[in-house]
Amino acid sequence: MAPSTDDYKDSSVINGLKKKGFQNFEELAESTGESAQLLKNWSIFHPRRFALILAGAGAKVT
């Protein structure tokens, strides 16, 4: 079972997801075509890249 956003430690990432209209990494993954695990890893190891992906996906949703 994949961890939910409740298990994710960085609340600023979760708040950023929700601010852009995504409830969790899985919804973001559906929008971007990337896997939820890859997006979680990028949010940890490549925060600037993740921020760009999130901004682009958020613009696509709204």
PDB file of N, CA and C in Angstrom:
ATOM      1  N   MET A   1       0.849  -1.181   0.000  1.00  0.00           N
ATOM      2  CA  MET A   1       0.000   0.000   0.000  1.00  0.00           C
ATOM      3  C   MET A   1       0.894   1.243   0.000  1.00  0.00           C
ATOM      4  N   ALA A   2       0.620   2.158  -0.893  1.00  0.00           N
ATOM      5  CA  ALA A   2       1.404   3.389  -0.990  1.00  0.00           C
ATOM      6  C   ALA A   2       1.061   4.327   0.156  1.00  0.00           C
ATOM      7  N   PRO A   3       2.042   5.048   0.648  1.00  0.00           N
ATOM      8  CA  PRO A   3       1.753   6.000   1.722  1.00  0.00           C
ATOM      9  C   PRO A   3       0.863   7.134   1.235  1.00  0.00           C
ATOM     10  N   SER A   4      -0.004   7.583   2.087  1.00  0.00           N
ATOM     11  CA  SER A   4      -0.894   8.693   1.734  1.00  0.00           C
ATOM     12  C   SER A   4      -0.201  10.008   2.055  1.00  0.00           C
ATOM     13  N   THR A   5      -0.852  11.101   1.708  1.00  0.00           N
ATOM     14  CA  THR A   5      -0.280  12.403   2.039  1.00  0.00           C
ATOM     15  C   THR A   5      -0.244  12.615   3.546  1.00  0.00           C
ATOM     16  N   ASP A   6      -1.065  11.868   4.292  1.00  0.00           N
ATOM     17  CA  ASP A   6      -1.044  11.981   5.758  1.00  0.00           C
ATOM     18  C   ASP A   6       0.293  11.504   6.314  1.00  0.00           C
ATOM     19  N   ASP A   7       0.948  10.557   5.613  1.00  0.00           N
ATOM     20  CA  ASP A   7       2.222  10.018   6.061  1.00  0.00           C
ATOM     21  C   ASP A   7       3.398  10.880   5.614  1.00  0.00           C
ATOM     22  N   TYR A   8       3.155  11.824   4.730  1.00  0.00           N
ATOM     23  CA  TYR A   8       4.219  12.635   4.170  1.00  0.00           C
ATOM     24  C   TYR A   8       4.646  13.680   5.188  1.00  0.00           C
ATOM     25  N   LYS A   9       5.930  13.828   5.387  1.00  0.00           N
ATOM     26  CA  LYS A   9       6.451  14.662   6.482  1.00  0.00           C
ATOM     27  C   LYS A   9       6.439  16.157   6.201  1.00  0.00           C
ATOM     28  N   ASP A  10       6.641  16.568   4.954  1.00  0.00           N
ATOM     29  CA  ASP A  10       6.779  17.981   4.632  1.00  0.00           C
ATOM     30  C   ASP A  10       5.406  18.595   4.354  1.00  0.00           C
ATOM     31  N   SER A  11       4.862  19.266   5.336  1.00  0.00           N
ATOM     32  CA  SER A  11       3.515  19.829   5.194  1.00  0.00           C
ATOM     33  C   SER A  11       3.463  20.947   4.162  1.00  0.00           C
ATOM     34  N   SER A  12       4.582  21.614   3.908  1.00  0.00           N
ATOM     35  CA  SER A  12       4.569  22.685   2.904  1.00  0.00           C
ATOM     36  C   SER A  12       4.318  22.109   1.514  1.00  0.00           C
ATOM     37  N   VAL A  13       4.820  20.902   1.235  1.00  0.00           N
ATOM     38  CA  VAL A  13       4.563  20.251  -0.054  1.00  0.00           C
ATOM     39  C   VAL A  13       3.089  19.891  -0.162  1.00  0.00           C
ATOM     40  N   ILE A  14       2.527  19.339   0.891  1.00  0.00           N
ATOM     41  CA  ILE A  14       1.109  18.967   0.892  1.00  0.00           C
ATOM     42  C   ILE A  14       0.243  20.208   0.745  1.00  0.00           C
ATOM     43  N   ASN A  15       0.582  21.273   1.446  1.00  0.00           N
ATOM     44  CA  ASN A  15      -0.173  22.523   1.317  1.00  0.00           C
ATOM     45  C   ASN A  15      -0.069  23.075  -0.099  1.00  0.00           C
ATOM     46  N   GLY A  16       1.108  22.950  -0.712  1.00  0.00           N
ATOM     47  CA  GLY A  16       1.285  23.388  -2.092  1.00  0.00           C
ATOM     48  C   GLY A  16       0.437  22.582  -3.058  1.00  0.00           C
ATOM     49  N   LEU A  17       0.369  21.279  -2.840  1.00  0.00           N
ATOM     50  CA  LEU A  17      -0.496  20.420  -3.664  1.00  0.00           C
ATOM     51  C   LEU A  17      -1.946  20.870  -3.575  1.00  0.00           C
ATOM     52  N   LYS A  18      -2.407  21.049  -2.352  1.00  0.00           N
ATOM     53  CA  LYS A  18      -3.810  21.421  -2.138  1.00  0.00           C
ATOM     54  C   LYS A  18      -4.111  22.815  -2.676  1.00  0.00           C
ATOM     55  N   LYS A  19      -3.133  23.717  -2.562  1.00  0.00           N
ATOM     56  CA  LYS A  19      -3.311  25.075  -3.070  1.00  0.00           C
ATOM     57  C   LYS A  19      -3.498  25.078  -4.587  1.00  0.00           C
ATOM     58  N   LYS A  20      -2.838  24.126  -5.266  1.00  0.00           N
ATOM     59  CA  LYS A  20      -2.947  24.018  -6.725  1.00  0.00           C
ATOM     60  C   LYS A  20      -4.136  23.169  -7.164  1.00  0.00           C
ATOM     61  N   GLY A  21      -4.894  22.649  -6.198  1.00  0.00           N
ATOM     62  CA  GLY A  21      -6.105  21.906  -6.531  1.00  0.00           C
ATOM     63  C   GLY A  21      -5.973  20.393  -6.524  1.00  0.00           C
ATOM     64  N   PHE A  22      -4.879  19.877  -5.995  1.00  0.00           N
ATOM     65  CA  PHE A  22      -4.668  18.432  -5.921  1.00  0.00           C
ATOM     66  C   PHE A  22      -4.805  17.981  -4.476  1.00  0.00           C
ATOM     67  N   GLN A  23      -5.521  16.891  -4.259  1.00  0.00           N
ATOM     68  CA  GLN A  23      -5.688  16.381  -2.903  1.00  0.00           C
ATOM     69  C   GLN A  23      -4.514  15.520  -2.456  1.00  0.00           C
ATOM     70  N   ASN A  24      -3.791  14.929  -3.408  1.00  0.00           N
ATOM     71  CA  ASN A  24      -2.680  14.045  -3.069  1.00  0.00           C
ATOM     72  C   ASN A  24      -1.752  13.880  -4.275  1.00  0.00           C
ATOM     73  N   PHE A  25      -0.680  13.140  -4.070  1.00  0.00           N
ATOM     74  CA  PHE A  25       0.281  12.907  -5.142  1.00  0.00           C
ATOM     75  C   PHE A  25      -0.330  12.094  -6.284  1.00  0.00           C
ATOM     76  N   GLU A  26      -1.280  11.241  -5.966  1.00  0.00           N
ATOM     77  CA  GLU A  26      -1.910  10.420  -6.997  1.00  0.00           C
ATOM     78  C   GLU A  26      -2.675  11.282  -7.998  1.00  0.00           C
ATOM     79  N   GLU A  27      -3.371  12.297  -7.520  1.00  0.00           N
ATOM     80  CA  GLU A  27      -4.081  13.210  -8.428  1.00  0.00           C
ATOM     81  C   GLU A  27      -3.098  13.986  -9.290  1.00  0.00           C
ATOM     82  N   LEU A  28      -1.994  14.415  -8.693  1.00  0.00           N
ATOM     83  CA  LEU A  28      -0.963  15.113  -9.456  1.00  0.00           C
ATOM     84  C   LEU A  28      -0.364  14.172 -10.500  1.00  0.00           C
ATOM     85  N   ALA A  29      -0.149  12.925 -10.125  1.00  0.00           N
ATOM     86  CA  ALA A  29       0.406  11.933 -11.051  1.00  0.00           C
ATOM     87  C   ALA A  29      -0.509  11.726 -12.251  1.00  0.00           C
ATOM     88  N   GLU A  30      -1.804  11.673 -12.025  1.00  0.00           N
ATOM     89  CA  GLU A  30      -2.749  11.526 -13.134  1.00  0.00           C
ATOM     90  C   GLU A  30      -2.663  12.715 -14.083  1.00  0.00           C
ATOM     91  N   SER A  31      -2.467  13.884 -13.543  1.00  0.00           N
ATOM     92  CA  SER A  31      -2.410  15.101 -14.350  1.00  0.00           C
ATOM     93  C   SER A  31      -1.115  15.201 -15.155  1.00  0.00           C
ATOM     94  N   THR A  32      -0.013  14.723 -14.573  1.00  0.00           N
ATOM     95  CA  THR A  32       1.288  14.885 -15.221  1.00  0.00           C
ATOM     96  C   THR A  32       1.723  13.683 -16.048  1.00  0.00           C
ATOM     97  N   GLY A  33       1.151  12.522 -15.769  1.00  0.00           N
ATOM     98  CA  GLY A  33       1.583  11.311 -16.458  1.00  0.00           C
ATOM     99  C   GLY A  33       2.791  10.648 -15.812  1.00  0.00           C
ATOM    100  N   GLU A  34       3.272  11.206 -14.717  1.00  0.00           N
ATOM    101  CA  GLU A  34       4.381  10.614 -13.969  1.00  0.00           C
ATOM    102  C   GLU A  34       3.808   9.776 -12.833  1.00  0.00           C
ATOM    103  N   SER A  35       4.636   8.927 -12.246  1.00  0.00           N
ATOM    104  CA  SER A  35       4.153   8.119 -11.120  1.00  0.00           C
ATOM    105  C   SER A  35       4.146   8.958  -9.843  1.00  0.00           C
ATOM    106  N   ALA A  36       3.256   8.604  -8.945  1.00  0.00           N
ATOM    107  CA  ALA A  36       3.160   9.321  -7.672  1.00  0.00           C
ATOM    108  C   ALA A  36       4.473   9.196  -6.895  1.00  0.00           C
ATOM    109  N   GLN A  37       5.106   8.014  -6.931  1.00  0.00           N
ATOM    110  CA  GLN A  37       6.352   7.822  -6.205  1.00  0.00           C
ATOM    111  C   GLN A  37       7.466   8.697  -6.774  1.00  0.00           C
ATOM    112  N   LEU A  38       7.530   8.814  -8.090  1.00  0.00           N
ATOM    113  CA  LEU A  38       8.525   9.675  -8.710  1.00  0.00           C
ATOM    114  C   LEU A  38       8.321  11.126  -8.279  1.00  0.00           C
ATOM    115  N   LEU A  39       7.090  11.579  -8.252  1.00  0.00           N
ATOM    116  CA  LEU A  39       6.798  12.951  -7.836  1.00  0.00           C
ATOM    117  C   LEU A  39       7.158  13.176  -6.372  1.00  0.00           C
ATOM    118  N   LYS A  40       6.890  12.187  -5.527  1.00  0.00           N
ATOM    119  CA  LYS A  40       7.282  12.297  -4.113  1.00  0.00           C
ATOM    120  C   LYS A  40       8.794  12.404  -3.987  1.00  0.00           C
ATOM    121  N   ASN A  41       9.505  11.561  -4.747  1.00  0.00           N
ATOM    122  CA  ASN A  41      10.968  11.611  -4.699  1.00  0.00           C
ATOM    123  C   ASN A  41      11.487  12.962  -5.175  1.00  0.00           C
ATOM    124  N   TRP A  42      10.918  13.491  -6.248  1.00  0.00           N
ATOM    125  CA  TRP A  42      11.343  14.794  -6.742  1.00  0.00           C
ATOM    126  C   TRP A  42      11.066  15.878  -5.709  1.00  0.00           C
ATOM    127  N   SER A  43       9.949  15.781  -5.006  1.00  0.00           N
ATOM    128  CA  SER A  43       9.645  16.797  -3.999  1.00  0.00           C
ATOM    129  C   SER A  43      10.674  16.792  -2.880  1.00  0.00           C
ATOM    130  N   ILE A  44      11.303  15.634  -2.643  1.00  0.00           N
ATOM    131  CA  ILE A  44      12.320  15.518  -1.598  1.00  0.00           C
ATOM    132  C   ILE A  44      13.704  15.889  -2.127  1.00  0.00           C
ATOM    133  N   PHE A  45      14.090  15.278  -3.251  1.00  0.00           N
ATOM    134  CA  PHE A  45      15.469  15.392  -3.737  1.00  0.00           C
ATOM    135  C   PHE A  45      15.689  16.501  -4.764  1.00  0.00           C
ATOM    136  N   HIS A  46      14.623  16.930  -5.421  1.00  0.00           N
ATOM    137  CA  HIS A  46      14.710  17.992  -6.435  1.00  0.00           C
ATOM    138  C   HIS A  46      13.549  18.970  -6.255  1.00  0.00           C
ATOM    139  N   PRO A  47      13.534  19.708  -5.149  1.00  0.00           N
ATOM    140  CA  PRO A  47      12.377  20.561  -4.848  1.00  0.00           C
ATOM    141  C   PRO A  47      12.095  21.633  -5.901  1.00  0.00           C
ATOM    142  N   ARG A  48      13.113  22.165  -6.546  1.00  0.00           N
ATOM    143  CA  ARG A  48      12.875  23.190  -7.579  1.00  0.00           C
ATOM    144  C   ARG A  48      12.194  22.572  -8.795  1.00  0.00           C
ATOM    145  N   ARG A  49      12.634  21.392  -9.189  1.00  0.00           N
ATOM    146  CA  ARG A  49      12.001  20.684 -10.307  1.00  0.00           C
ATOM    147  C   ARG A  49      10.553  20.367  -9.963  1.00  0.00           C
ATOM    148  N   PHE A  50      10.333  19.892  -8.743  1.00  0.00           N
ATOM    149  CA  PHE A  50       8.972  19.564  -8.324  1.00  0.00           C
ATOM    150  C   PHE A  50       8.092  20.809  -8.324  1.00  0.00           C
ATOM    151  N   ALA A  51       8.633  21.924  -7.867  1.00  0.00           N
ATOM    152  CA  ALA A  51       7.866  23.177  -7.840  1.00  0.00           C
ATOM    153  C   ALA A  51       7.447  23.585  -9.255  1.00  0.00           C
ATOM    154  N   LEU A  52       8.334  23.404 -10.222  1.00  0.00           N
ATOM    155  CA  LEU A  52       7.996  23.727 -11.616  1.00  0.00           C
ATOM    156  C   LEU A  52       6.907  22.807 -12.155  1.00  0.00           C
ATOM    157  N   ILE A  53       7.025  21.526 -11.853  1.00  0.00           N
ATOM    158  CA  ILE A  53       6.008  20.564 -12.296  1.00  0.00           C
ATOM    159  C   ILE A  53       4.664  20.903 -11.658  1.00  0.00           C
ATOM    160  N   LEU A  54       4.680  21.193 -10.374  1.00  0.00           N
ATOM    161  CA  LEU A  54       3.448  21.532  -9.675  1.00  0.00           C
ATOM    162  C   LEU A  54       2.826  22.803 -10.225  1.00  0.00           C
ATOM    163  N   ALA A  55       3.639  23.792 -10.513  1.00  0.00           N
ATOM    164  CA  ALA A  55       3.124  25.048 -11.073  1.00  0.00           C
ATOM    165  C   ALA A  55       2.484  24.801 -12.439  1.00  0.00           C
ATOM    166  N   GLY A  56       3.154  24.020 -13.271  1.00  0.00           N
ATOM    167  CA  GLY A  56       2.607  23.719 -14.593  1.00  0.00           C
ATOM    168  C   GLY A  56       1.331  22.903 -14.527  1.00  0.00           C
ATOM    169  N   ALA A  57       1.311  21.915 -13.646  1.00  0.00           N
ATOM    170  CA  ALA A  57       0.124  21.077 -13.502  1.00  0.00           C
ATOM    171  C   ALA A  57      -1.021  21.877 -12.902  1.00  0.00           C
ATOM    172  N   GLY A  58      -0.710  22.785 -11.974  1.00  0.00           N
ATOM    173  CA  GLY A  58      -1.746  23.631 -11.377  1.00  0.00           C
ATOM    174  C   GLY A  58      -2.358  24.565 -12.396  1.00  0.00           C
ATOM    175  N   ALA A  59      -1.532  25.097 -13.287  1.00  0.00           N
ATOM    176  CA  ALA A  59      -2.040  25.992 -14.341  1.00  0.00           C
ATOM    177  C   ALA A  59      -2.931  25.221 -15.307  1.00  0.00           C
ATOM    178  N   LYS A  60      -2.613  23.956 -15.529  1.00  0.00           N
ATOM    179  CA  LYS A  60      -3.385  23.103 -16.416  1.00  0.00           C
ATOM    180  C   LYS A  60      -4.753  22.787 -15.821  1.00  0.00           C
ATOM    181  N   VAL A  61      -4.812  22.647 -14.482  1.00  0.00           N
ATOM    182  CA  VAL A  61      -6.051  22.288 -13.779  1.00  0.00           C
ATOM    183  C   VAL A  61      -6.991  23.479 -13.676  1.00  0.00           C
ATOM    184  N   THR A  62      -6.441  24.663 -13.372  1.00  0.00           N
ATOM    185  CA  THR A  62      -7.298  25.819 -13.115  1.00  0.00           C
ATOM    186  C   THR A  62      -7.712  26.538 -14.361  1.00  0.00           C
TER     187      THR A  62
END
